[in-house]
Amino acid sequence: MKVNIDLCLIPMGGDVSVSSEIAECQKIFAERRLVHRLHAYGTNARVAGMR
């Protein structure tokens, strides 16, 4: 099974920057060897072989 994910982080209250949260997501994607692409409106990830 293949799964496509479109992830968008939206700040709610407080600080308007989500750069640290995005960096953490990128680390998790890399650790799990997920194919991912960061772009101006979010992050796309592709997962193959889910069970």
PDB file of N, CA and C in Angstrom:
ATOM      1  N   MET A   1       0.846  -1.173   0.000  1.00  0.00           N
ATOM      2  CA  MET A   1       0.000   0.000   0.000  1.00  0.00           C
ATOM      3  C   MET A   1       0.894   1.239   0.000  1.00  0.00           C
ATOM      4  N   LYS A   2       0.517   2.244  -0.780  1.00  0.00           N
ATOM      5  CA  LYS A   2       1.224   3.521  -0.778  1.00  0.00           C
ATOM      6  C   LYS A   2       0.313   4.582  -0.179  1.00  0.00           C
ATOM      7  N   VAL A   3       0.912   5.481   0.578  1.00  0.00           N
ATOM      8  CA  VAL A   3       0.159   6.562   1.218  1.00  0.00           C
ATOM      9  C   VAL A   3       0.859   7.880   0.917  1.00  0.00           C
ATOM     10  N   ASN A   4       0.095   8.882   0.499  1.00  0.00           N
ATOM     11  CA  ASN A   4       0.623  10.235   0.315  1.00  0.00           C
ATOM     12  C   ASN A   4       0.089  11.110   1.436  1.00  0.00           C
ATOM     13  N   ILE A   5       0.977  11.929   2.002  1.00  0.00           N
ATOM     14  CA  ILE A   5       0.628  12.799   3.125  1.00  0.00           C
ATOM     15  C   ILE A   5       0.928  14.239   2.730  1.00  0.00           C
ATOM     16  N   ASP A   6      -0.012  15.132   2.993  1.00  0.00           N
ATOM     17  CA  ASP A   6       0.218  16.565   2.815  1.00  0.00           C
ATOM     18  C   ASP A   6       0.104  17.186   4.195  1.00  0.00           C
ATOM     19  N   LEU A   7       1.218  17.681   4.726  1.00  0.00           N
ATOM     20  CA  LEU A   7       1.281  18.183   6.093  1.00  0.00           C
ATOM     21  C   LEU A   7       1.464  19.692   6.071  1.00  0.00           C
ATOM     22  N   CYS A   8       0.645  20.391   6.825  1.00  0.00           N
ATOM     23  CA  CYS A   8       0.754  21.845   6.927  1.00  0.00           C
ATOM     24  C   CYS A   8       0.646  22.227   8.399  1.00  0.00           C
ATOM     25  N   LEU A   9       1.678  22.891   8.931  1.00  0.00           N
ATOM     26  CA  LEU A   9       1.660  23.340  10.323  1.00  0.00           C
ATOM     27  C   LEU A   9       1.206  24.789  10.375  1.00  0.00           C
ATOM     28  N   ILE A  10       0.217  25.063  11.188  1.00  0.00           N
ATOM     29  CA  ILE A  10      -0.340  26.410  11.307  1.00  0.00           C
ATOM     30  C   ILE A  10      -0.179  26.873  12.751  1.00  0.00           C
ATOM     31  N   PRO A  11       0.494  28.017  12.977  1.00  0.00           N
ATOM     32  CA  PRO A  11       0.662  28.509  14.346  1.00  0.00           C
ATOM     33  C   PRO A  11      -0.674  28.955  14.939  1.00  0.00           C
ATOM     34  N   MET A  12      -0.919  28.563  16.174  1.00  0.00           N
ATOM     35  CA  MET A  12      -2.152  28.930  16.873  1.00  0.00           C
ATOM     36  C   MET A  12      -1.756  29.690  18.138  1.00  0.00           C
ATOM     37  N   GLY A  13      -1.948  31.001  18.142  1.00  0.00           N
ATOM     38  CA  GLY A  13      -1.577  31.817  19.299  1.00  0.00           C
ATOM     39  C   GLY A  13      -0.082  32.056  19.351  1.00  0.00           C
ATOM     40  N   GLY A  14       0.400  32.679  20.385  1.00  0.00           N
ATOM     41  CA  GLY A  14       1.826  32.882  20.649  1.00  0.00           C
ATOM     42  C   GLY A  14       2.692  33.208  19.446  1.00  0.00           C
ATOM     43  N   ASP A  15       3.766  32.454  19.281  1.00  0.00           N
ATOM     44  CA  ASP A  15       4.764  32.682  18.245  1.00  0.00           C
ATOM     45  C   ASP A  15       4.218  32.292  16.872  1.00  0.00           C
ATOM     46  N   VAL A  16       4.506  33.101  15.857  1.00  0.00           N
ATOM     47  CA  VAL A  16       4.020  32.807  14.505  1.00  0.00           C
ATOM     48  C   VAL A  16       4.985  31.918  13.724  1.00  0.00           C
ATOM     49  N   SER A  17       6.148  31.640  14.276  1.00  0.00           N
ATOM     50  CA  SER A  17       7.131  30.795  13.596  1.00  0.00           C
ATOM     51  C   SER A  17       6.944  29.336  13.994  1.00  0.00           C
ATOM     52  N   VAL A  18       6.954  28.456  13.010  1.00  0.00           N
ATOM     53  CA  VAL A  18       6.884  27.011  13.277  1.00  0.00           C
ATOM     54  C   VAL A  18       8.146  26.314  12.764  1.00  0.00           C
ATOM     55  N   SER A  19       9.228  27.080  12.605  1.00  0.00           N
ATOM     56  CA  SER A  19      10.455  26.517  12.032  1.00  0.00           C
ATOM     57  C   SER A  19      11.025  25.373  12.867  1.00  0.00           C
ATOM     58  N   SER A  20      10.972  25.472  14.179  1.00  0.00           N
ATOM     59  CA  SER A  20      11.519  24.384  15.011  1.00  0.00           C
ATOM     60  C   SER A  20      10.665  23.118  14.886  1.00  0.00           C
ATOM     61  N   GLU A  21       9.349  23.285  14.780  1.00  0.00           N
ATOM     62  CA  GLU A  21       8.461  22.135  14.603  1.00  0.00           C
ATOM     63  C   GLU A  21       8.679  21.490  13.233  1.00  0.00           C
ATOM     64  N   ILE A  22       8.870  22.303  12.212  1.00  0.00           N
ATOM     65  CA  ILE A  22       9.126  21.780  10.873  1.00  0.00           C
ATOM     66  C   ILE A  22      10.451  21.031  10.852  1.00  0.00           C
ATOM     67  N   ALA A  23      11.474  21.579  11.505  1.00  0.00           N
ATOM     68  CA  ALA A  23      12.775  20.913  11.572  1.00  0.00           C
ATOM     69  C   ALA A  23      12.652  19.549  12.256  1.00  0.00           C
ATOM     70  N   GLU A  24      11.849  19.473  13.304  1.00  0.00           N
ATOM     71  CA  GLU A  24      11.645  18.199  14.005  1.00  0.00           C
ATOM     72  C   GLU A  24      10.927  17.190  13.104  1.00  0.00           C
ATOM     73  N   CYS A  25       9.932  17.633  12.359  1.00  0.00           N
ATOM     74  CA  CYS A  25       9.236  16.751  11.408  1.00  0.00           C
ATOM     75  C   CYS A  25      10.210  16.232  10.357  1.00  0.00           C
ATOM     76  N   GLN A  26      11.066  17.102   9.834  1.00  0.00           N
ATOM     77  CA  GLN A  26      12.043  16.702   8.827  1.00  0.00           C
ATOM     78  C   GLN A  26      12.990  15.632   9.383  1.00  0.00           C
ATOM     79  N   LYS A  27      13.395  15.772  10.640  1.00  0.00           N
ATOM     80  CA  LYS A  27      14.264  14.766  11.271  1.00  0.00           C
ATOM     81  C   LYS A  27      13.564  13.412  11.348  1.00  0.00           C
ATOM     82  N   ILE A  28      12.300  13.433  11.747  1.00  0.00           N
ATOM     83  CA  ILE A  28      11.530  12.186  11.862  1.00  0.00           C
ATOM     84  C   ILE A  28      11.379  11.531  10.494  1.00  0.00           C
ATOM     85  N   PHE A  29      11.057  12.328   9.464  1.00  0.00           N
ATOM     86  CA  PHE A  29      10.937  11.779   8.108  1.00  0.00           C
ATOM     87  C   PHE A  29      12.250  11.149   7.664  1.00  0.00           C
ATOM     88  N   ALA A  30      13.366  11.828   7.903  1.00  0.00           N
ATOM     89  CA  ALA A  30      14.679  11.321   7.496  1.00  0.00           C
ATOM     90  C   ALA A  30      15.037  10.037   8.254  1.00  0.00           C
ATOM     91  N   GLU A  31      14.777  10.003   9.565  1.00  0.00           N
ATOM     92  CA  GLU A  31      15.066   8.807  10.368  1.00  0.00           C
ATOM     93  C   GLU A  31      14.303   7.592   9.856  1.00  0.00           C
ATOM     94  N   ARG A  32      13.092   7.820   9.388  1.00  0.00           N
ATOM     95  CA  ARG A  32      12.251   6.720   8.906  1.00  0.00           C
ATOM     96  C   ARG A  32      12.370   6.513   7.403  1.00  0.00           C
ATOM     97  N   ARG A  33      13.307   7.246   6.804  1.00  0.00           N
ATOM     98  CA  ARG A  33      13.594   7.148   5.369  1.00  0.00           C
ATOM     99  C   ARG A  33      12.355   7.365   4.511  1.00  0.00           C
ATOM    100  N   LEU A  34      11.529   8.315   4.910  1.00  0.00           N
ATOM    101  CA  LEU A  34      10.354   8.667   4.121  1.00  0.00           C
ATOM    102  C   LEU A  34      10.759   9.626   3.016  1.00  0.00           C
ATOM    103  N   VAL A  35      10.226   9.397   1.831  1.00  0.00           N
ATOM    104  CA  VAL A  35      10.446  10.335   0.737  1.00  0.00           C
ATOM    105  C   VAL A  35       9.606  11.566   1.064  1.00  0.00           C
ATOM    106  N   HIS A  36      10.257  12.731   1.181  1.00  0.00           N
ATOM    107  CA  HIS A  36       9.511  13.932   1.536  1.00  0.00           C
ATOM    108  C   HIS A  36      10.071  15.145   0.812  1.00  0.00           C
ATOM    109  N   ARG A  37       9.224  16.147   0.671  1.00  0.00           N
ATOM    110  CA  ARG A  37       9.624  17.382   0.000  1.00  0.00           C
ATOM    111  C   ARG A  37       8.996  18.559   0.716  1.00  0.00           C
ATOM    112  N   LEU A  38       9.824  19.459   1.171  1.00  0.00           N
ATOM    113  CA  LEU A  38       9.374  20.670   1.836  1.00  0.00           C
ATOM    114  C   LEU A  38       9.113  21.733   0.766  1.00  0.00           C
ATOM    115  N   HIS A  39       7.980  22.421   0.868  1.00  0.00           N
ATOM    116  CA  HIS A  39       7.679  23.499  -0.064  1.00  0.00           C
ATOM    117  C   HIS A  39       7.011  24.639   0.690  1.00  0.00           C
ATOM    118  N   ALA A  40       6.702  25.709   0.014  1.00  0.00           N
ATOM    119  CA  ALA A  40       6.212  26.937   0.651  1.00  0.00           C
ATOM    120  C   ALA A  40       4.891  26.757   1.394  1.00  0.00           C
ATOM    121  N   TYR A  41       4.079  25.796   0.999  1.00  0.00           N
ATOM    122  CA  TYR A  41       2.764  25.638   1.614  1.00  0.00           C
ATOM    123  C   TYR A  41       2.629  24.374   2.438  1.00  0.00           C
ATOM    124  N   GLY A  42       3.735  23.747   2.811  1.00  0.00           N
ATOM    125  CA  GLY A  42       3.666  22.556   3.641  1.00  0.00           C
ATOM    126  C   GLY A  42       4.737  21.551   3.275  1.00  0.00           C
ATOM    127  N   THR A  43       4.504  20.301   3.617  1.00  0.00           N
ATOM    128  CA  THR A  43       5.438  19.222   3.340  1.00  0.00           C
ATOM    129  C   THR A  43       4.655  18.038   2.791  1.00  0.00           C
ATOM    130  N   ASN A  44       5.134  17.461   1.718  1.00  0.00           N
ATOM    131  CA  ASN A  44       4.541  16.247   1.171  1.00  0.00           C
ATOM    132  C   ASN A  44       5.430  15.074   1.544  1.00  0.00           C
ATOM    133  N   ALA A  45       4.821  13.968   1.908  1.00  0.00           N
ATOM    134  CA  ALA A  45       5.569  12.746   2.218  1.00  0.00           C
ATOM    135  C   ALA A  45       4.895  11.584   1.530  1.00  0.00           C
ATOM    136  N   ARG A  46       5.705  10.614   1.115  1.00  0.00           N
ATOM    137  CA  ARG A  46       5.173   9.421   0.478  1.00  0.00           C
ATOM    138  C   ARG A  46       5.652   8.217   1.271  1.00  0.00           C
ATOM    139  N   VAL A  47       4.744   7.321   1.599  1.00  0.00           N
ATOM    140  CA  VAL A  47       5.067   6.138   2.386  1.00  0.00           C
ATOM    141  C   VAL A  47       4.694   4.921   1.563  1.00  0.00           C
ATOM    142  N   ALA A  48       5.638   4.021   1.347  1.00  0.00           N
ATOM    143  CA  ALA A  48       5.375   2.778   0.614  1.00  0.00           C
ATOM    144  C   ALA A  48       5.536   1.609   1.558  1.00  0.00           C
ATOM    145  N   GLY A  49       4.768   0.576   1.341  1.00  0.00           N
ATOM    146  CA  GLY A  49       4.904  -0.653   2.112  1.00  0.00           C
ATOM    147  C   GLY A  49       4.342  -0.595   3.514  1.00  0.00           C
ATOM    148  N   MET A  50       3.298   0.206   3.723  1.00  0.00           N
ATOM    149  CA  MET A  50       2.677   0.251   5.060  1.00  0.00           C
ATOM    150  C   MET A  50       1.918  -1.027   5.322  1.00  0.00           C
ATOM    151  N   ARG A  51       1.904  -1.435   6.577  1.00  0.00           N
ATOM    152  CA  ARG A  51       1.145  -2.634   6.973  1.00  0.00           C
ATOM    153  C   ARG A  51       0.240  -2.297   8.108  1.00  0.00           C
TER     154      ARG A  51
END
